[in-house]
Amino acid sequence: MTEQHQEFLDAGAEVIALVRDTLEAAQTYLREHDIPFPCMVDPEHKVYDLYEVKSKLMSLGQRPALFVIDRDGIVRYACLGWQQWEIPSNDEVLEVCRSIHCGAGAAA
């Protein structure tokens, strides 16, 4: 998403990452990498639990998930995988964002 961040903005989307780590660890990572979008930390797993993103041994920790939520708070697209490689391509997610933006607007 980092490389295509501007394309997401152009599609009417805002990218927000959620990490299950401490604030200090997330800040260290963000300083070391040029992440152009906001990152929220969820060390107590509250947001993950709201979206039923469970941590499983089979996925070697936190299961990867991606949601597209419109401006009304409606989940328009959801992908919950077991491994990181199961997350859809940026192009696929961009198409979803563009289709929502043409209609009512989106946040990713």
N, C-alpha and C. Protein backbone atom coordinates (compact mmCIF):
# COMPACT_ATOMS: atom_id res chain seq x y z
N MET A 1 0.82 -1.18 0.00
CA MET A 1 0.00 0.00 0.00
C MET A 1 0.87 1.25 0.00
N THR A 2 2.05 1.15 0.55
CA THR A 2 2.93 2.30 0.61
C THR A 2 3.24 2.84 -0.78
N GLU A 3 3.59 1.95 -1.70
CA GLU A 3 3.98 2.38 -3.04
C GLU A 3 2.81 2.98 -3.80
N GLN A 4 1.60 2.54 -3.52
CA GLN A 4 0.43 3.00 -4.26
C GLN A 4 -0.48 3.90 -3.42
N HIS A 5 0.07 4.48 -2.38
CA HIS A 5 -0.73 5.30 -1.48
C HIS A 5 -1.45 6.42 -2.22
N GLN A 6 -0.77 7.11 -3.10
CA GLN A 6 -1.40 8.20 -3.84
C GLN A 6 -2.57 7.71 -4.69
N GLU A 7 -2.44 6.52 -5.25
CA GLU A 7 -3.55 5.96 -6.03
C GLU A 7 -4.78 5.73 -5.16
N PHE A 8 -4.56 5.31 -3.92
CA PHE A 8 -5.68 5.13 -3.01
C PHE A 8 -6.33 6.47 -2.68
N LEU A 9 -5.51 7.50 -2.46
CA LEU A 9 -6.05 8.83 -2.22
C LEU A 9 -6.85 9.31 -3.42
N ASP A 10 -6.31 9.10 -4.62
CA ASP A 10 -6.99 9.50 -5.84
C ASP A 10 -8.31 8.75 -6.03
N ALA A 11 -8.40 7.54 -5.47
CA ALA A 11 -9.62 6.74 -5.56
C ALA A 11 -10.63 7.14 -4.49
N GLY A 12 -10.28 8.14 -3.68
CA GLY A 12 -11.19 8.60 -2.64
C GLY A 12 -11.08 7.83 -1.35
N ALA A 13 -10.00 7.10 -1.17
CA ALA A 13 -9.83 6.25 0.02
C ALA A 13 -8.77 6.83 0.96
N GLU A 14 -8.91 6.50 2.20
CA GLU A 14 -7.90 6.80 3.20
C GLU A 14 -7.42 5.47 3.75
N VAL A 15 -6.12 5.25 3.72
CA VAL A 15 -5.54 4.01 4.22
C VAL A 15 -5.14 4.22 5.68
N ILE A 16 -5.54 3.30 6.52
CA ILE A 16 -5.16 3.31 7.93
C ILE A 16 -4.72 1.90 8.29
N ALA A 17 -3.53 1.79 8.83
CA ALA A 17 -3.02 0.48 9.25
C ALA A 17 -3.26 0.30 10.75
N LEU A 18 -3.50 -0.92 11.14
CA LEU A 18 -3.69 -1.26 12.54
C LEU A 18 -2.66 -2.31 12.89
N VAL A 19 -1.89 -2.05 13.93
CA VAL A 19 -0.85 -3.00 14.34
C VAL A 19 -1.11 -3.46 15.77
N ARG A 20 -0.82 -4.71 15.99
CA ARG A 20 -0.99 -5.30 17.32
C ARG A 20 0.37 -5.28 18.01
N ASP A 21 0.74 -4.11 18.44
CA ASP A 21 2.05 -3.93 19.05
C ASP A 21 1.96 -2.77 20.02
N THR A 22 3.05 -2.52 20.73
CA THR A 22 3.08 -1.38 21.63
C THR A 22 3.29 -0.10 20.82
N LEU A 23 2.97 1.01 21.40
CA LEU A 23 3.18 2.30 20.75
C LEU A 23 4.66 2.51 20.45
N GLU A 24 5.51 2.13 21.39
CA GLU A 24 6.96 2.30 21.21
C GLU A 24 7.47 1.48 20.03
N ALA A 25 7.05 0.23 19.93
CA ALA A 25 7.49 -0.63 18.83
C ALA A 25 6.97 -0.10 17.50
N ALA A 26 5.73 0.34 17.48
CA ALA A 26 5.16 0.89 16.24
C ALA A 26 5.90 2.16 15.83
N GLN A 27 6.20 3.02 16.77
CA GLN A 27 6.93 4.26 16.45
C GLN A 27 8.31 3.95 15.90
N THR A 28 8.98 2.96 16.46
CA THR A 28 10.29 2.56 15.95
C THR A 28 10.18 2.08 14.51
N TYR A 29 9.20 1.23 14.24
CA TYR A 29 9.00 0.73 12.88
C TYR A 29 8.70 1.88 11.92
N LEU A 30 7.83 2.77 12.32
CA LEU A 30 7.45 3.90 11.45
C LEU A 30 8.62 4.83 11.18
N ARG A 31 9.49 5.00 12.16
CA ARG A 31 10.69 5.83 11.94
C ARG A 31 11.65 5.18 10.95
N GLU A 32 11.72 3.85 10.97
CA GLU A 32 12.64 3.11 10.10
C GLU A 32 12.11 2.93 8.69
N HIS A 33 10.79 3.05 8.51
CA HIS A 33 10.16 2.86 7.20
C HIS A 33 9.35 4.11 6.86
N ASP A 34 9.29 4.45 5.63
CA ASP A 34 8.56 5.64 5.22
C ASP A 34 7.11 5.27 4.92
N ILE A 35 6.30 5.22 5.97
CA ILE A 35 4.89 4.86 5.84
C ILE A 35 4.10 6.15 5.67
N PRO A 36 3.42 6.33 4.52
CA PRO A 36 2.75 7.60 4.26
C PRO A 36 1.33 7.72 4.83
N PHE A 37 0.84 6.67 5.48
CA PHE A 37 -0.52 6.70 6.01
C PHE A 37 -0.49 6.47 7.52
N PRO A 38 -1.55 6.86 8.21
CA PRO A 38 -1.59 6.69 9.66
C PRO A 38 -1.62 5.23 10.08
N CYS A 39 -0.99 4.97 11.21
CA CYS A 39 -1.02 3.63 11.82
C CYS A 39 -1.57 3.77 13.24
N MET A 40 -2.47 2.89 13.57
CA MET A 40 -3.03 2.85 14.91
C MET A 40 -2.49 1.61 15.60
N VAL A 41 -2.26 1.72 16.88
CA VAL A 41 -1.80 0.55 17.64
C VAL A 41 -2.97 -0.02 18.44
N ASP A 42 -2.98 -1.33 18.54
CA ASP A 42 -4.06 -2.03 19.24
C ASP A 42 -3.45 -3.15 20.08
N PRO A 43 -2.62 -2.80 21.07
CA PRO A 43 -1.96 -3.86 21.85
C PRO A 43 -2.93 -4.71 22.66
N GLU A 44 -4.10 -4.18 22.97
CA GLU A 44 -5.07 -4.94 23.75
C GLU A 44 -6.06 -5.70 22.85
N HIS A 45 -5.88 -5.60 21.54
CA HIS A 45 -6.65 -6.37 20.57
C HIS A 45 -8.13 -5.98 20.51
N LYS A 46 -8.47 -4.77 20.91
CA LYS A 46 -9.88 -4.36 20.96
C LYS A 46 -10.48 -4.19 19.57
N VAL A 47 -9.79 -3.50 18.68
CA VAL A 47 -10.33 -3.30 17.33
C VAL A 47 -10.31 -4.61 16.57
N TYR A 48 -9.23 -5.37 16.72
CA TYR A 48 -9.17 -6.68 16.07
C TYR A 48 -10.38 -7.53 16.47
N ASP A 49 -10.71 -7.52 17.76
CA ASP A 49 -11.83 -8.31 18.24
C ASP A 49 -13.16 -7.81 17.67
N LEU A 50 -13.32 -6.49 17.54
CA LEU A 50 -14.56 -5.93 16.98
C LEU A 50 -14.80 -6.44 15.56
N TYR A 51 -13.73 -6.62 14.81
CA TYR A 51 -13.84 -7.10 13.43
C TYR A 51 -13.59 -8.60 13.31
N GLU A 52 -13.55 -9.28 14.45
CA GLU A 52 -13.38 -10.73 14.52
C GLU A 52 -12.11 -11.22 13.83
N VAL A 53 -11.05 -10.45 13.97
CA VAL A 53 -9.74 -10.85 13.45
C VAL A 53 -9.00 -11.51 14.60
N LYS A 54 -9.00 -12.81 14.58
CA LYS A 54 -8.44 -13.59 15.68
C LYS A 54 -6.96 -13.90 15.44
N SER A 55 -6.24 -14.04 16.51
CA SER A 55 -4.86 -14.49 16.45
C SER A 55 -4.88 -16.01 16.56
N LYS A 56 -4.25 -16.69 15.62
CA LYS A 56 -4.30 -18.15 15.59
C LYS A 56 -2.89 -18.73 15.47
N LEU A 57 -2.67 -19.84 16.10
CA LEU A 57 -1.40 -20.53 16.02
C LEU A 57 -1.08 -20.95 14.59
N MET A 58 -2.12 -21.39 13.84
CA MET A 58 -1.90 -21.85 12.47
C MET A 58 -1.38 -20.74 11.55
N SER A 59 -1.69 -19.48 11.88
CA SER A 59 -1.22 -18.38 11.04
C SER A 59 0.04 -17.76 11.62
N LEU A 60 0.65 -18.44 12.57
CA LEU A 60 1.89 -17.99 13.20
C LEU A 60 1.74 -16.60 13.81
N GLY A 61 0.63 -16.37 14.49
CA GLY A 61 0.39 -15.09 15.14
C GLY A 61 -0.86 -14.44 14.63
N GLN A 62 -0.78 -13.14 14.41
CA GLN A 62 -1.95 -12.37 14.00
C GLN A 62 -2.35 -12.69 12.57
N ARG A 63 -3.60 -13.02 12.37
CA ARG A 63 -4.12 -13.27 11.02
C ARG A 63 -4.19 -11.95 10.27
N PRO A 64 -3.83 -11.95 9.00
CA PRO A 64 -3.92 -10.72 8.21
C PRO A 64 -5.37 -10.44 7.80
N ALA A 65 -5.73 -9.17 7.78
CA ALA A 65 -7.08 -8.79 7.38
C ALA A 65 -7.04 -7.45 6.68
N LEU A 66 -8.00 -7.26 5.81
CA LEU A 66 -8.12 -6.01 5.08
C LEU A 66 -9.61 -5.71 4.94
N PHE A 67 -10.00 -4.49 5.29
CA PHE A 67 -11.39 -4.07 5.20
C PHE A 67 -11.47 -2.76 4.44
N VAL A 68 -12.51 -2.62 3.63
CA VAL A 68 -12.85 -1.34 3.01
C VAL A 68 -14.18 -0.94 3.65
N ILE A 69 -14.15 0.21 4.30
CA ILE A 69 -15.31 0.70 5.04
C ILE A 69 -15.71 2.04 4.44
N ASP A 70 -16.98 2.19 4.09
CA ASP A 70 -17.39 3.45 3.47
C ASP A 70 -17.57 4.53 4.54
N ARG A 71 -17.87 5.72 4.08
CA ARG A 71 -17.98 6.87 5.00
C ARG A 71 -19.14 6.76 5.97
N ASP A 72 -20.08 5.87 5.69
CA ASP A 72 -21.18 5.63 6.60
C ASP A 72 -20.86 4.53 7.62
N GLY A 73 -19.63 3.99 7.56
CA GLY A 73 -19.22 2.96 8.49
C GLY A 73 -19.62 1.56 8.08
N ILE A 74 -20.07 1.40 6.85
CA ILE A 74 -20.49 0.08 6.36
C ILE A 74 -19.29 -0.63 5.73
N VAL A 75 -19.04 -1.86 6.16
CA VAL A 75 -17.96 -2.65 5.58
C VAL A 75 -18.41 -3.07 4.18
N ARG A 76 -17.70 -2.58 3.18
CA ARG A 76 -18.05 -2.86 1.78
C ARG A 76 -17.22 -4.00 1.19
N TYR A 77 -16.12 -4.32 1.86
CA TYR A 77 -15.23 -5.38 1.38
C TYR A 77 -14.44 -5.88 2.58
N ALA A 78 -14.32 -7.17 2.70
CA ALA A 78 -13.56 -7.75 3.80
C ALA A 78 -12.78 -8.96 3.32
N CYS A 79 -11.56 -9.06 3.76
CA CYS A 79 -10.73 -10.21 3.45
C CYS A 79 -9.97 -10.58 4.72
N LEU A 80 -10.20 -11.78 5.19
CA LEU A 80 -9.53 -12.29 6.37
C LEU A 80 -8.78 -13.54 5.96
N GLY A 81 -7.47 -13.50 6.05
CA GLY A 81 -6.66 -14.63 5.61
C GLY A 81 -6.02 -15.37 6.76
N TRP A 82 -5.34 -16.45 6.40
CA TRP A 82 -4.56 -17.20 7.38
C TRP A 82 -3.09 -16.81 7.31
N GLN A 83 -2.65 -16.41 6.12
CA GLN A 83 -1.26 -16.01 5.92
C GLN A 83 -1.24 -14.69 5.14
N GLN A 84 -0.15 -13.96 5.23
CA GLN A 84 -0.04 -12.65 4.60
C GLN A 84 -0.25 -12.70 3.08
N TRP A 85 0.17 -13.78 2.44
CA TRP A 85 0.04 -13.88 1.00
C TRP A 85 -1.41 -14.00 0.54
N GLU A 86 -2.35 -14.21 1.46
CA GLU A 86 -3.76 -14.34 1.09
C GLU A 86 -4.48 -12.99 0.95
N ILE A 87 -3.83 -11.92 1.36
CA ILE A 87 -4.44 -10.60 1.24
C ILE A 87 -4.51 -10.23 -0.24
N PRO A 88 -5.62 -9.64 -0.70
CA PRO A 88 -5.76 -9.32 -2.12
C PRO A 88 -4.75 -8.26 -2.57
N SER A 89 -4.57 -8.21 -3.88
CA SER A 89 -3.62 -7.25 -4.43
C SER A 89 -4.13 -5.83 -4.24
N ASN A 90 -3.22 -4.87 -4.26
CA ASN A 90 -3.60 -3.47 -4.17
C ASN A 90 -4.54 -3.09 -5.30
N ASP A 91 -4.29 -3.62 -6.49
CA ASP A 91 -5.14 -3.29 -7.63
C ASP A 91 -6.59 -3.73 -7.40
N GLU A 92 -6.77 -4.91 -6.82
CA GLU A 92 -8.11 -5.39 -6.52
C GLU A 92 -8.80 -4.48 -5.51
N VAL A 93 -8.08 -4.09 -4.48
CA VAL A 93 -8.65 -3.22 -3.45
C VAL A 93 -8.92 -1.83 -4.02
N LEU A 94 -8.03 -1.36 -4.88
CA LEU A 94 -8.25 -0.06 -5.53
C LEU A 94 -9.54 -0.06 -6.34
N GLU A 95 -9.81 -1.14 -7.04
CA GLU A 95 -11.05 -1.23 -7.83
C GLU A 95 -12.27 -1.13 -6.92
N VAL A 96 -12.22 -1.78 -5.78
CA VAL A 96 -13.32 -1.70 -4.82
C VAL A 96 -13.48 -0.26 -4.35
N CYS A 97 -12.38 0.38 -4.00
CA CYS A 97 -12.43 1.77 -3.54
C CYS A 97 -12.97 2.70 -4.62
N ARG A 98 -12.53 2.51 -5.83
CA ARG A 98 -13.01 3.35 -6.93
C ARG A 98 -14.51 3.17 -7.15
N SER A 99 -14.98 1.92 -7.06
CA SER A 99 -16.41 1.68 -7.28
C SER A 99 -17.25 2.32 -6.18
N ILE A 100 -16.76 2.32 -4.98
CA ILE A 100 -17.48 2.94 -3.87
C ILE A 100 -17.43 4.46 -4.00
N HIS A 101 -16.25 4.96 -4.35
CA HIS A 101 -16.06 6.42 -4.47
C HIS A 101 -16.97 6.98 -5.55
N CYS A 102 -17.15 6.25 -6.63
CA CYS A 102 -18.04 6.69 -7.70
C CYS A 102 -19.48 6.76 -7.22
N GLY A 103 -19.78 5.92 -6.23
CA GLY A 103 -21.14 5.90 -5.67
C GLY A 103 -21.28 6.83 -4.48
N ALA A 104 -20.70 6.41 -3.35
CA ALA A 104 -20.94 7.15 -2.11
C ALA A 104 -19.69 7.55 -1.35
N GLY A 105 -18.49 7.17 -1.78
CA GLY A 105 -17.27 7.50 -1.04
C GLY A 105 -16.76 6.30 -0.28
N ALA A 106 -15.46 6.32 0.07
CA ALA A 106 -14.86 5.15 0.72
C ALA A 106 -13.77 5.54 1.67
N ALA A 107 -13.47 4.62 2.55
CA ALA A 107 -12.28 4.66 3.40
C ALA A 107 -11.72 3.27 3.42
N ALA A 108 -10.42 3.11 3.25
CA ALA A 108 -9.83 1.78 3.26
C ALA A 108 -8.83 1.68 4.37
